[in-house]
mmCIF file of all heavy atoms, coordinates in Angstrom:
data_MODEL
# 
_entry.id   MODEL 
# 
loop_
_atom_site.group_PDB 
_atom_site.id 
_atom_site.type_symbol 
_atom_site.label_atom_id 
_atom_site.label_alt_id 
_atom_site.label_comp_id 
_atom_site.label_asym_id 
_atom_site.label_entity_id 
_atom_site.label_seq_id 
_atom_site.pdbx_PDB_ins_code 
_atom_site.Cartn_x 
_atom_site.Cartn_y 
_atom_site.Cartn_z 
_atom_site.occupancy 
_atom_site.B_iso_or_equiv 
_atom_site.pdbx_formal_charge 
_atom_site.auth_seq_id 
_atom_site.auth_comp_id 
_atom_site.auth_asym_id 
_atom_site.auth_atom_id 
_atom_site.pdbx_PDB_model_num 
ATOM 1   N N   . PHE A 1 1  ? 0.796  -1.220  -0.005 1.00 0.00 ? 1  PHE A N   1 
ATOM 2   C CA  . PHE A 1 1  ? -0.003 -0.003  -0.001 1.00 0.00 ? 1  PHE A CA  1 
ATOM 3   C C   . PHE A 1 1  ? 0.837  1.282   -0.001 1.00 0.00 ? 1  PHE A C   1 
ATOM 4   O O   . PHE A 1 1  ? 0.306  2.387   0.067  1.00 0.00 ? 1  PHE A O   1 
ATOM 5   C CB  . PHE A 1 1  ? -0.948 0.005   1.212  1.00 0.00 ? 1  PHE A CB  1 
ATOM 6   C CG  . PHE A 1 1  ? -1.889 -1.161  1.245  1.00 0.00 ? 1  PHE A CG  1 
ATOM 7   C CD1 . PHE A 1 1  ? -1.809 -2.102  2.250  1.00 0.00 ? 1  PHE A CD1 1 
ATOM 8   C CD2 . PHE A 1 1  ? -2.855 -1.335  0.249  1.00 0.00 ? 1  PHE A CD2 1 
ATOM 9   C CE1 . PHE A 1 1  ? -2.676 -3.189  2.284  1.00 0.00 ? 1  PHE A CE1 1 
ATOM 10  C CE2 . PHE A 1 1  ? -3.722 -2.412  0.278  1.00 0.00 ? 1  PHE A CE2 1 
ATOM 11  C CZ  . PHE A 1 1  ? -3.628 -3.352  1.303  1.00 0.00 ? 1  PHE A CZ  1 
ATOM 12  N N   . LYS A 1 2  ? 2.166  1.130   -0.033 1.00 0.00 ? 2  LYS A N   1 
ATOM 13  C CA  . LYS A 1 2  ? 3.093  2.272   -0.118 1.00 0.00 ? 2  LYS A CA  1 
ATOM 14  C C   . LYS A 1 2  ? 3.004  3.200   1.099  1.00 0.00 ? 2  LYS A C   1 
ATOM 15  O O   . LYS A 1 2  ? 3.200  4.415   0.973  1.00 0.00 ? 2  LYS A O   1 
ATOM 16  C CB  . LYS A 1 2  ? 2.841  3.102   -1.395 1.00 0.00 ? 2  LYS A CB  1 
ATOM 17  C CG  . LYS A 1 2  ? 2.789  2.272   -2.685 1.00 0.00 ? 2  LYS A CG  1 
ATOM 18  C CD  . LYS A 1 2  ? 4.079  1.528   -2.938 1.00 0.00 ? 2  LYS A CD  1 
ATOM 19  C CE  . LYS A 1 2  ? 3.995  0.727   -4.245 1.00 0.00 ? 2  LYS A CE  1 
ATOM 20  N NZ  . LYS A 1 2  ? 5.197  -0.113  -4.478 1.00 0.00 ? 2  LYS A NZ  1 
ATOM 21  N N   . PHE A 1 3  ? 2.670  2.622   2.287  1.00 0.00 ? 3  PHE A N   1 
ATOM 22  C CA  . PHE A 1 3  ? 2.661  3.449   3.481  1.00 0.00 ? 3  PHE A CA  1 
ATOM 23  C C   . PHE A 1 3  ? 4.084  3.845   3.845  1.00 0.00 ? 3  PHE A C   1 
ATOM 24  O O   . PHE A 1 3  ? 5.038  3.088   3.646  1.00 0.00 ? 3  PHE A O   1 
ATOM 25  C CB  . PHE A 1 3  ? 2.022  2.703   4.664  1.00 0.00 ? 3  PHE A CB  1 
ATOM 26  C CG  . PHE A 1 3  ? 0.553  2.397   4.458  1.00 0.00 ? 3  PHE A CG  1 
ATOM 27  C CD1 . PHE A 1 3  ? 0.049  1.133   4.702  1.00 0.00 ? 3  PHE A CD1 1 
ATOM 28  C CD2 . PHE A 1 3  ? -0.318 3.387   4.019  1.00 0.00 ? 3  PHE A CD2 1 
ATOM 29  C CE1 . PHE A 1 3  ? -1.304 0.868   4.507  1.00 0.00 ? 3  PHE A CE1 1 
ATOM 30  C CE2 . PHE A 1 3  ? -1.649 3.129   3.814  1.00 0.00 ? 3  PHE A CE2 1 
ATOM 31  C CZ  . PHE A 1 3  ? -2.143 1.859   4.064  1.00 0.00 ? 3  PHE A CZ  1 
ATOM 32  N N   . GLN A 1 4  ? 4.228  5.012   4.419  1.00 0.00 ? 4  GLN A N   1 
ATOM 33  C CA  . GLN A 1 4  ? 5.561  5.536   4.707  1.00 0.00 ? 4  GLN A CA  1 
ATOM 34  C C   . GLN A 1 4  ? 6.103  5.105   6.068  1.00 0.00 ? 4  GLN A C   1 
ATOM 35  O O   . GLN A 1 4  ? 7.299  5.182   6.309  1.00 0.00 ? 4  GLN A O   1 
ATOM 36  C CB  . GLN A 1 4  ? 5.526  7.074   4.646  1.00 0.00 ? 4  GLN A CB  1 
ATOM 37  C CG  . GLN A 1 4  ? 5.143  7.593   3.266  1.00 0.00 ? 4  GLN A CG  1 
ATOM 38  C CD  . GLN A 1 4  ? 6.081  7.131   2.171  1.00 0.00 ? 4  GLN A CD  1 
ATOM 39  O OE1 . GLN A 1 4  ? 7.298  7.251   2.299  1.00 0.00 ? 4  GLN A OE1 1 
ATOM 40  N NE2 . GLN A 1 4  ? 5.525  6.562   1.109  1.00 0.00 ? 4  GLN A NE2 1 
ATOM 41  N N   . THR A 1 5  ? 5.217  4.672   6.949  1.00 0.00 ? 5  THR A N   1 
ATOM 42  C CA  . THR A 1 5  ? 5.675  4.305   8.283  1.00 0.00 ? 5  THR A CA  1 
ATOM 43  C C   . THR A 1 5  ? 5.013  3.008   8.759  1.00 0.00 ? 5  THR A C   1 
ATOM 44  O O   . THR A 1 5  ? 3.956  2.610   8.262  1.00 0.00 ? 5  THR A O   1 
ATOM 45  C CB  . THR A 1 5  ? 5.337  5.405   9.317  1.00 0.00 ? 5  THR A CB  1 
ATOM 46  O OG1 . THR A 1 5  ? 3.923  5.617   9.332  1.00 0.00 ? 5  THR A OG1 1 
ATOM 47  C CG2 . THR A 1 5  ? 6.055  6.698   8.981  1.00 0.00 ? 5  THR A CG2 1 
ATOM 48  N N   . ILE A 1 6  ? 5.664  2.341   9.722  1.00 0.00 ? 6  ILE A N   1 
ATOM 49  C CA  . ILE A 1 6  ? 5.103  1.177   10.402 1.00 0.00 ? 6  ILE A CA  1 
ATOM 50  C C   . ILE A 1 6  ? 4.817  1.608   11.834 1.00 0.00 ? 6  ILE A C   1 
ATOM 51  O O   . ILE A 1 6  ? 5.672  2.216   12.496 1.00 0.00 ? 6  ILE A O   1 
ATOM 52  C CB  . ILE A 1 6  ? 6.090  -0.014  10.383 1.00 0.00 ? 6  ILE A CB  1 
ATOM 53  C CG1 . ILE A 1 6  ? 6.342  -0.482  8.940  1.00 0.00 ? 6  ILE A CG1 1 
ATOM 54  C CG2 . ILE A 1 6  ? 5.556  -1.180  11.219 1.00 0.00 ? 6  ILE A CG2 1 
ATOM 55  C CD1 . ILE A 1 6  ? 7.408  -1.543  8.816  1.00 0.00 ? 6  ILE A CD1 1 
ATOM 56  N N   . ASP A 1 7  ? 3.623  1.290   12.327 1.00 0.00 ? 7  ASP A N   1 
ATOM 57  C CA  . ASP A 1 7  ? 3.240  1.715   13.678 1.00 0.00 ? 7  ASP A CA  1 
ATOM 58  C C   . ASP A 1 7  ? 3.854  0.762   14.713 1.00 0.00 ? 7  ASP A C   1 
ATOM 59  O O   . ASP A 1 7  ? 3.250  -0.239  15.100 1.00 0.00 ? 7  ASP A O   1 
ATOM 60  C CB  . ASP A 1 7  ? 1.715  1.725   13.800 1.00 0.00 ? 7  ASP A CB  1 
ATOM 61  C CG  . ASP A 1 7  ? 1.240  2.450   15.065 1.00 0.00 ? 7  ASP A CG  1 
ATOM 62  O OD1 . ASP A 1 7  ? 2.062  2.591   15.988 1.00 0.00 ? 7  ASP A OD1 1 
ATOM 63  O OD2 . ASP A 1 7  ? 0.067  2.854   15.119 1.00 0.00 ? 7  ASP A OD2 1 
ATOM 64  N N   . PHE A 1 8  ? 5.062  1.096   15.165 1.00 0.00 ? 8  PHE A N   1 
ATOM 65  C CA  . PHE A 1 8  ? 5.747  0.246   16.137 1.00 0.00 ? 8  PHE A CA  1 
ATOM 66  C C   . PHE A 1 8  ? 5.082  0.314   17.510 1.00 0.00 ? 8  PHE A C   1 
ATOM 67  O O   . PHE A 1 8  ? 5.144  -0.640  18.281 1.00 0.00 ? 8  PHE A O   1 
ATOM 68  C CB  . PHE A 1 8  ? 7.220  0.664   16.257 1.00 0.00 ? 8  PHE A CB  1 
ATOM 69  C CG  . PHE A 1 8  ? 8.037  0.334   15.039 1.00 0.00 ? 8  PHE A CG  1 
ATOM 70  C CD1 . PHE A 1 8  ? 8.366  1.306   14.111 1.00 0.00 ? 8  PHE A CD1 1 
ATOM 71  C CD2 . PHE A 1 8  ? 8.456  -0.967  14.813 1.00 0.00 ? 8  PHE A CD2 1 
ATOM 72  C CE1 . PHE A 1 8  ? 9.106  1.005   12.993 1.00 0.00 ? 8  PHE A CE1 1 
ATOM 73  C CE2 . PHE A 1 8  ? 9.199  -1.289  13.697 1.00 0.00 ? 8  PHE A CE2 1 
ATOM 74  C CZ  . PHE A 1 8  ? 9.543  -0.308  12.764 1.00 0.00 ? 8  PHE A CZ  1 
ATOM 75  N N   . ASP A 1 9  ? 4.430  1.435   17.804 1.00 0.00 ? 9  ASP A N   1 
ATOM 76  C CA  . ASP A 1 9  ? 3.814  1.607   19.126 1.00 0.00 ? 9  ASP A CA  1 
ATOM 77  C C   . ASP A 1 9  ? 2.730  0.574   19.361 1.00 0.00 ? 9  ASP A C   1 
ATOM 78  O O   . ASP A 1 9  ? 2.646  -0.021  20.438 1.00 0.00 ? 9  ASP A O   1 
ATOM 79  C CB  . ASP A 1 9  ? 3.241  3.014   19.243 1.00 0.00 ? 9  ASP A CB  1 
ATOM 80  C CG  . ASP A 1 9  ? 2.796  3.326   20.667 1.00 0.00 ? 9  ASP A CG  1 
ATOM 81  O OD1 . ASP A 1 9  ? 3.599  3.123   21.581 1.00 0.00 ? 9  ASP A OD1 1 
ATOM 82  O OD2 . ASP A 1 9  ? 1.643  3.755   20.850 1.00 0.00 ? 9  ASP A OD2 1 
ATOM 83  N N   . ILE A 1 10 ? 1.879  0.314   18.364 1.00 0.00 ? 10 ILE A N   1 
ATOM 84  C CA  . ILE A 1 10 ? 0.819  -0.669  18.558 1.00 0.00 ? 10 ILE A CA  1 
ATOM 85  C C   . ILE A 1 10 ? 1.389  -2.081  18.582 1.00 0.00 ? 10 ILE A C   1 
ATOM 86  O O   . ILE A 1 10 ? 0.874  -2.961  19.271 1.00 0.00 ? 10 ILE A O   1 
ATOM 87  C CB  . ILE A 1 10 ? -0.277 -0.550  17.467 1.00 0.00 ? 10 ILE A CB  1 
ATOM 88  C CG1 . ILE A 1 10 ? -1.471 -1.443  17.823 1.00 0.00 ? 10 ILE A CG1 1 
ATOM 89  C CG2 . ILE A 1 10 ? 0.260  -0.908  16.084 1.00 0.00 ? 10 ILE A CG2 1 
ATOM 90  C CD1 . ILE A 1 10 ? -2.080 -1.154  19.173 1.00 0.00 ? 10 ILE A CD1 1 
ATOM 91  N N   . ILE A 1 11 ? 2.485  -2.302  17.878 1.00 0.00 ? 11 ILE A N   1 
ATOM 92  C CA  . ILE A 1 11 ? 3.145  -3.611  17.948 1.00 0.00 ? 11 ILE A CA  1 
ATOM 93  C C   . ILE A 1 11 ? 3.661  -3.858  19.360 1.00 0.00 ? 11 ILE A C   1 
ATOM 94  O O   . ILE A 1 11 ? 3.522  -4.956  19.913 1.00 0.00 ? 11 ILE A O   1 
ATOM 95  C CB  . ILE A 1 11 ? 4.293  -3.713  16.911 1.00 0.00 ? 11 ILE A CB  1 
ATOM 96  C CG1 . ILE A 1 11 ? 3.709  -3.686  15.482 1.00 0.00 ? 11 ILE A CG1 1 
ATOM 97  C CG2 . ILE A 1 11 ? 5.113  -4.980  17.115 1.00 0.00 ? 11 ILE A CG2 1 
ATOM 98  C CD1 . ILE A 1 11 ? 4.738  -3.661  14.389 1.00 0.00 ? 11 ILE A CD1 1 
ATOM 99  N N   . PHE A 1 12 ? 4.237  -2.808  19.982 1.00 0.00 ? 12 PHE A N   1 
ATOM 100 C CA  . PHE A 1 12 ? 4.664  -2.909  21.385 1.00 0.00 ? 12 PHE A CA  1 
ATOM 101 C C   . PHE A 1 12 ? 3.477  -3.332  22.253 1.00 0.00 ? 12 PHE A C   1 
ATOM 102 O O   . PHE A 1 12 ? 3.598  -4.219  23.093 1.00 0.00 ? 12 PHE A O   1 
ATOM 103 C CB  . PHE A 1 12 ? 5.190  -1.563  21.889 1.00 0.00 ? 12 PHE A CB  1 
ATOM 104 C CG  . PHE A 1 12 ? 6.555  -1.195  21.342 1.00 0.00 ? 12 PHE A CG  1 
ATOM 105 C CD1 . PHE A 1 12 ? 7.051  0.092   21.512 1.00 0.00 ? 12 PHE A CD1 1 
ATOM 106 C CD2 . PHE A 1 12 ? 7.335  -2.113  20.666 1.00 0.00 ? 12 PHE A CD2 1 
ATOM 107 C CE1 . PHE A 1 12 ? 8.302  0.443   21.030 1.00 0.00 ? 12 PHE A CE1 1 
ATOM 108 C CE2 . PHE A 1 12 ? 8.585  -1.771  20.170 1.00 0.00 ? 12 PHE A CE2 1 
ATOM 109 C CZ  . PHE A 1 12 ? 9.064  -0.486  20.349 1.00 0.00 ? 12 PHE A CZ  1 
ATOM 110 N N   . LYS A 1 13 ? 2.344  -2.644  22.073 1.00 0.00 ? 13 LYS A N   1 
ATOM 111 C CA  . LYS A 1 13 ? 1.171  -2.903  22.905 1.00 0.00 ? 13 LYS A CA  1 
ATOM 112 C C   . LYS A 1 13 ? 0.675  -4.333  22.727 1.00 0.00 ? 13 LYS A C   1 
ATOM 113 O O   . LYS A 1 13 ? 0.352  -5.015  23.713 1.00 0.00 ? 13 LYS A O   1 
ATOM 114 C CB  . LYS A 1 13 ? 0.038  -1.939  22.537 1.00 0.00 ? 13 LYS A CB  1 
ATOM 115 C CG  . LYS A 1 13 ? 0.222  -0.512  23.062 1.00 0.00 ? 13 LYS A CG  1 
ATOM 116 C CD  . LYS A 1 13 ? -1.015 0.305   22.755 1.00 0.00 ? 13 LYS A CD  1 
ATOM 117 C CE  . LYS A 1 13 ? -0.901 1.713   23.336 1.00 0.00 ? 13 LYS A CE  1 
ATOM 118 N NZ  . LYS A 1 13 ? -2.124 2.501   23.106 1.00 0.00 ? 13 LYS A NZ  1 
ATOM 119 N N   . LEU A 1 14 ? 0.590  -4.786  21.494 1.00 0.00 ? 14 LEU A N   1 
ATOM 120 C CA  . LEU A 1 14 ? 0.069  -6.126  21.235 1.00 0.00 ? 14 LEU A CA  1 
ATOM 121 C C   . LEU A 1 14 ? 0.995  -7.209  21.756 1.00 0.00 ? 14 LEU A C   1 
ATOM 122 O O   . LEU A 1 14 ? 0.534  -8.270  22.196 1.00 0.00 ? 14 LEU A O   1 
ATOM 123 C CB  . LEU A 1 14 ? -0.163 -6.315  19.721 1.00 0.00 ? 14 LEU A CB  1 
ATOM 124 C CG  . LEU A 1 14 ? -1.289 -5.478  19.099 1.00 0.00 ? 14 LEU A CG  1 
ATOM 125 C CD1 . LEU A 1 14 ? -1.333 -5.690  17.599 1.00 0.00 ? 14 LEU A CD1 1 
ATOM 126 C CD2 . LEU A 1 14 ? -2.630 -5.843  19.727 1.00 0.00 ? 14 LEU A CD2 1 
ATOM 127 N N   . ILE A 1 15 ? 2.282  -6.967  21.734 1.00 0.00 ? 15 ILE A N   1 
ATOM 128 C CA  . ILE A 1 15 ? 3.251  -7.956  22.200 1.00 0.00 ? 15 ILE A CA  1 
ATOM 129 C C   . ILE A 1 15 ? 3.298  -8.019  23.725 1.00 0.00 ? 15 ILE A C   1 
ATOM 130 O O   . ILE A 1 15 ? 3.540  -9.088  24.303 1.00 0.00 ? 15 ILE A O   1 
ATOM 131 C CB  . ILE A 1 15 ? 4.669  -7.643  21.641 1.00 0.00 ? 15 ILE A CB  1 
ATOM 132 C CG1 . ILE A 1 15 ? 4.669  -7.749  20.118 1.00 0.00 ? 15 ILE A CG1 1 
ATOM 133 C CG2 . ILE A 1 15 ? 5.705  -8.593  22.226 1.00 0.00 ? 15 ILE A CG2 1 
ATOM 134 C CD1 . ILE A 1 15 ? 4.281  -9.123  19.597 1.00 0.00 ? 15 ILE A CD1 1 
ATOM 135 N N   . LEU A 1 16 ? 3.046  -6.898  24.404 1.00 0.00 ? 16 LEU A N   1 
ATOM 136 C CA  . LEU A 1 16 ? 3.135  -6.850  25.864 1.00 0.00 ? 16 LEU A CA  1 
ATOM 137 C C   . LEU A 1 16 ? 2.217  -7.860  26.538 1.00 0.00 ? 16 LEU A C   1 
ATOM 138 O O   . LEU A 1 16 ? 2.596  -8.500  27.527 1.00 0.00 ? 16 LEU A O   1 
ATOM 139 C CB  . LEU A 1 16 ? 2.807  -5.448  26.361 1.00 0.00 ? 16 LEU A CB  1 
ATOM 140 C CG  . LEU A 1 16 ? 3.958  -4.455  26.467 1.00 0.00 ? 16 LEU A CG  1 
ATOM 141 C CD1 . LEU A 1 16 ? 3.429  -3.074  26.838 1.00 0.00 ? 16 LEU A CD1 1 
ATOM 142 C CD2 . LEU A 1 16 ? 4.984  -4.907  27.487 1.00 0.00 ? 16 LEU A CD2 1 
ATOM 143 N N   . PHE A 1 17 ? 1.001  -8.009  26.028 1.00 0.00 ? 17 PHE A N   1 
ATOM 144 C CA  . PHE A 1 17 ? 0.010  -8.892  26.672 1.00 0.00 ? 17 PHE A CA  1 
ATOM 145 C C   . PHE A 1 17 ? 0.472  -10.359 26.688 1.00 0.00 ? 17 PHE A C   1 
ATOM 146 O O   . PHE A 1 17 ? 0.567  -10.958 27.776 1.00 0.00 ? 17 PHE A O   1 
ATOM 147 C CB  . PHE A 1 17 ? -1.342 -8.702  26.015 1.00 0.00 ? 17 PHE A CB  1 
ATOM 148 C CG  . PHE A 1 17 ? -2.454 -9.512  26.622 1.00 0.00 ? 17 PHE A CG  1 
ATOM 149 C CD1 . PHE A 1 17 ? -2.390 -9.943  27.933 1.00 0.00 ? 17 PHE A CD1 1 
ATOM 150 C CD2 . PHE A 1 17 ? -3.581 -9.829  25.884 1.00 0.00 ? 17 PHE A CD2 1 
ATOM 151 C CE1 . PHE A 1 17 ? -3.415 -10.678 28.499 1.00 0.00 ? 17 PHE A CE1 1 
ATOM 152 C CE2 . PHE A 1 17 ? -4.615 -10.567 26.426 1.00 0.00 ? 17 PHE A CE2 1 
ATOM 153 C CZ  . PHE A 1 17 ? -4.526 -11.002 27.740 1.00 0.00 ? 17 PHE A CZ  1 
ATOM 154 N N   . PRO A 1 18 ? 0.751  -10.970 25.529 1.00 0.00 ? 18 PRO A N   1 
ATOM 155 C CA  . PRO A 1 18 ? 1.223  -12.367 25.566 1.00 0.00 ? 18 PRO A CA  1 
ATOM 156 C C   . PRO A 1 18 ? 2.534  -12.538 26.323 1.00 0.00 ? 18 PRO A C   1 
ATOM 157 O O   . PRO A 1 18 ? 2.765  -13.564 26.951 1.00 0.00 ? 18 PRO A O   1 
ATOM 158 C CB  . PRO A 1 18 ? 1.371  -12.751 24.092 1.00 0.00 ? 18 PRO A CB  1 
ATOM 159 C CG  . PRO A 1 18 ? 1.360  -11.484 23.329 1.00 0.00 ? 18 PRO A CG  1 
ATOM 160 C CD  . PRO A 1 18 ? 0.569  -10.506 24.133 1.00 0.00 ? 18 PRO A CD  1 
ATOM 161 N N   . ILE A 1 19 ? 3.390  -11.511 26.281 1.00 0.00 ? 19 ILE A N   1 
ATOM 162 C CA  . ILE A 1 19 ? 4.647  -11.573 27.032 1.00 0.00 ? 19 ILE A CA  1 
ATOM 163 C C   . ILE A 1 19 ? 4.364  -11.689 28.520 1.00 0.00 ? 19 ILE A C   1 
ATOM 164 O O   . ILE A 1 19 ? 4.912  -12.537 29.218 1.00 0.00 ? 19 ILE A O   1 
ATOM 165 C CB  . ILE A 1 19 ? 5.515  -10.321 26.757 1.00 0.00 ? 19 ILE A CB  1 
ATOM 166 C CG1 . ILE A 1 19 ? 6.310  -10.493 25.476 1.00 0.00 ? 19 ILE A CG1 1 
ATOM 167 C CG2 . ILE A 1 19 ? 6.478  -10.061 27.915 1.00 0.00 ? 19 ILE A CG2 1 
ATOM 168 C CD1 . ILE A 1 19 ? 7.188  -9.316  25.141 1.00 0.00 ? 19 ILE A CD1 1 
ATOM 169 N N   . PHE A 1 20 ? 3.476  -10.810 29.025 1.00 0.00 ? 20 PHE A N   1 
ATOM 170 C CA  . PHE A 1 20 ? 3.152  -10.844 30.456 1.00 0.00 ? 20 PHE A CA  1 
ATOM 171 C C   . PHE A 1 20 ? 2.400  -12.131 30.830 1.00 0.00 ? 20 PHE A C   1 
ATOM 172 O O   . PHE A 1 20 ? 2.580  -12.645 31.943 1.00 0.00 ? 20 PHE A O   1 
ATOM 173 C CB  . PHE A 1 20 ? 2.327  -9.618  30.849 1.00 0.00 ? 20 PHE A CB  1 
ATOM 174 C CG  . PHE A 1 20 ? 3.166  -8.436  31.240 1.00 0.00 ? 20 PHE A CG  1 
ATOM 175 C CD1 . PHE A 1 20 ? 2.994  -7.202  30.615 1.00 0.00 ? 20 PHE A CD1 1 
ATOM 176 C CD2 . PHE A 1 20 ? 4.121  -8.538  32.239 1.00 0.00 ? 20 PHE A CD2 1 
ATOM 177 C CE1 . PHE A 1 20 ? 3.767  -6.102  30.974 1.00 0.00 ? 20 PHE A CE1 1 
ATOM 178 C CE2 . PHE A 1 20 ? 4.895  -7.443  32.599 1.00 0.00 ? 20 PHE A CE2 1 
ATOM 179 C CZ  . PHE A 1 20 ? 4.722  -6.223  31.968 1.00 0.00 ? 20 PHE A CZ  1 
ATOM 180 N N   . LEU A 1 21 ? 1.567  -12.644 29.927 1.00 0.00 ? 21 LEU A N   1 
ATOM 181 C CA  . LEU A 1 21 ? 0.869  -13.903 30.191 1.00 0.00 ? 21 LEU A CA  1 
ATOM 182 C C   . LEU A 1 21 ? 1.876  -15.016 30.475 1.00 0.00 ? 21 LEU A C   1 
ATOM 183 O O   . LEU A 1 21 ? 1.768  -15.753 31.465 1.00 0.00 ? 21 LEU A O   1 
ATOM 184 C CB  . LEU A 1 21 ? 0.010  -14.286 28.986 1.00 0.00 ? 21 LEU A CB  1 
ATOM 185 C CG  . LEU A 1 21 ? -1.409 -13.744 28.909 1.00 0.00 ? 21 LEU A CG  1 
ATOM 186 C CD1 . LEU A 1 21 ? -2.008 -14.033 27.537 1.00 0.00 ? 21 LEU A CD1 1 
ATOM 187 C CD2 . LEU A 1 21 ? -2.294 -14.366 29.997 1.00 0.00 ? 21 LEU A CD2 1 
ATOM 188 N N   . ILE A 1 22 ? 2.846  -15.152 29.582 1.00 0.00 ? 22 ILE A N   1 
ATOM 189 C CA  . ILE A 1 22 ? 3.844  -16.206 29.694 1.00 0.00 ? 22 ILE A CA  1 
ATOM 190 C C   . ILE A 1 22 ? 4.808  -15.939 30.845 1.00 0.00 ? 22 ILE A C   1 
ATOM 191 O O   . ILE A 1 22 ? 5.160  -16.841 31.604 1.00 0.00 ? 22 ILE A O   1 
ATOM 192 C CB  . ILE A 1 22 ? 4.612  -16.352 28.355 1.00 0.00 ? 22 ILE A CB  1 
ATOM 193 C CG1 . ILE A 1 22 ? 3.656  -16.809 27.251 1.00 0.00 ? 22 ILE A CG1 1 
ATOM 194 C CG2 . ILE A 1 22 ? 5.785  -17.316 28.490 1.00 0.00 ? 22 ILE A CG2 1 
ATOM 195 C CD1 . ILE A 1 22 ? 4.216  -16.693 25.860 1.00 0.00 ? 22 ILE A CD1 1 
ATOM 196 N N   . LEU A 1 23 ? 5.206  -14.691 30.996 1.00 0.00 ? 23 LEU A N   1 
ATOM 197 C CA  . LEU A 1 23 ? 6.148  -14.309 32.043 1.00 0.00 ? 23 LEU A CA  1 
ATOM 198 C C   . LEU A 1 23 ? 5.560  -14.528 33.425 1.00 0.00 ? 23 LEU A C   1 
ATOM 199 O O   . LEU A 1 23 ? 6.226  -15.099 34.317 1.00 0.00 ? 23 LEU A O   1 
ATOM 200 C CB  . LEU A 1 23 ? 6.559  -12.854 31.880 1.00 0.00 ? 23 LEU A CB  1 
ATOM 201 C CG  . LEU A 1 23 ? 7.486  -12.275 32.952 1.00 0.00 ? 23 LEU A CG  1 
ATOM 202 C CD1 . LEU A 1 23 ? 8.843  -12.951 32.911 1.00 0.00 ? 23 LEU A CD1 1 
ATOM 203 C CD2 . LEU A 1 23 ? 7.635  -10.759 32.770 1.00 0.00 ? 23 LEU A CD2 1 
ATOM 204 N N   . PHE A 1 24 ? 4.321  -14.085 33.650 1.00 0.00 ? 24 PHE A N   1 
ATOM 205 C CA  . PHE A 1 24 ? 3.726  -14.197 34.983 1.00 0.00 ? 24 PHE A CA  1 
ATOM 206 C C   . PHE A 1 24 ? 3.517  -15.660 35.360 1.00 0.00 ? 24 PHE A C   1 
ATOM 207 O O   . PHE A 1 24 ? 3.724  -16.038 36.525 1.00 0.00 ? 24 PHE A O   1 
ATOM 208 C CB  . PHE A 1 24 ? 2.398  -13.434 35.041 1.00 0.00 ? 24 PHE A CB  1 
ATOM 209 C CG  . PHE A 1 24 ? 1.886  -13.242 36.430 1.00 0.00 ? 24 PHE A CG  1 
ATOM 210 C CD1 . PHE A 1 24 ? 2.472  -12.288 37.256 1.00 0.00 ? 24 PHE A CD1 1 
ATOM 211 C CD2 . PHE A 1 24 ? 0.851  -13.993 36.929 1.00 0.00 ? 24 PHE A CD2 1 
ATOM 212 C CE1 . PHE A 1 24 ? 2.022  -12.105 38.571 1.00 0.00 ? 24 PHE A CE1 1 
ATOM 213 C CE2 . PHE A 1 24 ? 0.397  -13.833 38.227 1.00 0.00 ? 24 PHE A CE2 1 
ATOM 214 C CZ  . PHE A 1 24 ? 0.979  -12.887 39.045 1.00 0.00 ? 24 PHE A CZ  1 
ATOM 215 N N   . ARG A 1 25 ? 3.129  -16.475 34.393 1.00 0.00 ? 25 ARG A N   1 
ATOM 216 C CA  . ARG A 1 25 ? 2.996  -17.915 34.661 1.00 0.00 ? 25 ARG A CA  1 
ATOM 217 C C   . ARG A 1 25 ? 4.337  -18.504 35.089 1.00 0.00 ? 25 ARG A C   1 
ATOM 218 O O   . ARG A 1 25 ? 4.420  -19.278 36.051 1.00 0.00 ? 25 ARG A O   1 
ATOM 219 C CB  . ARG A 1 25 ? 2.481  -18.643 33.431 1.00 0.00 ? 25 ARG A CB  1 
ATOM 220 C CG  . ARG A 1 25 ? 2.350  -20.166 33.598 1.00 0.00 ? 25 ARG A CG  1 
ATOM 221 C CD  . ARG A 1 25 ? 1.906  -20.840 32.332 1.00 0.00 ? 25 ARG A CD  1 
ATOM 222 N NE  . ARG A 1 25 ? 2.900  -20.701 31.267 1.00 0.00 ? 25 ARG A NE  1 
ATOM 223 C CZ  . ARG A 1 25 ? 2.713  -21.127 30.018 1.00 0.00 ? 25 ARG A CZ  1 
ATOM 224 N NH1 . ARG A 1 25 ? 1.562  -21.691 29.683 1.00 0.00 ? 25 ARG A NH1 1 
ATOM 225 N NH2 . ARG A 1 25 ? 3.663  -20.976 29.117 1.00 0.00 ? 25 ARG A NH2 1 
ATOM 226 N N   . SER A 1 26 ? 5.392  -18.105 34.388 1.00 0.00 ? 26 SER A N   1 
ATOM 227 C CA  . SER A 1 26 ? 6.727  -18.596 34.715 1.00 0.00 ? 26 SER A CA  1 
ATOM 228 C C   . SER A 1 26 ? 7.180  -18.115 36.098 1.00 0.00 ? 26 SER A C   1 
ATOM 229 O O   . SER A 1 26 ? 7.807  -18.868 36.852 1.00 0.00 ? 26 SER A O   1 
ATOM 230 C CB  . SER A 1 26 ? 7.729  -18.148 33.642 1.00 0.00 ? 26 SER A CB  1 
ATOM 231 O OG  . SER A 1 26 ? 9.021  -18.617 33.932 1.00 0.00 ? 26 SER A OG  1 
# 
């Protein structure tokens, strides 16, 4: 789509949840 940027902020947000799920269990 020739977008000029990638939204890294939302990627951070989406990754945080599964990270904390796995981390807290551990």
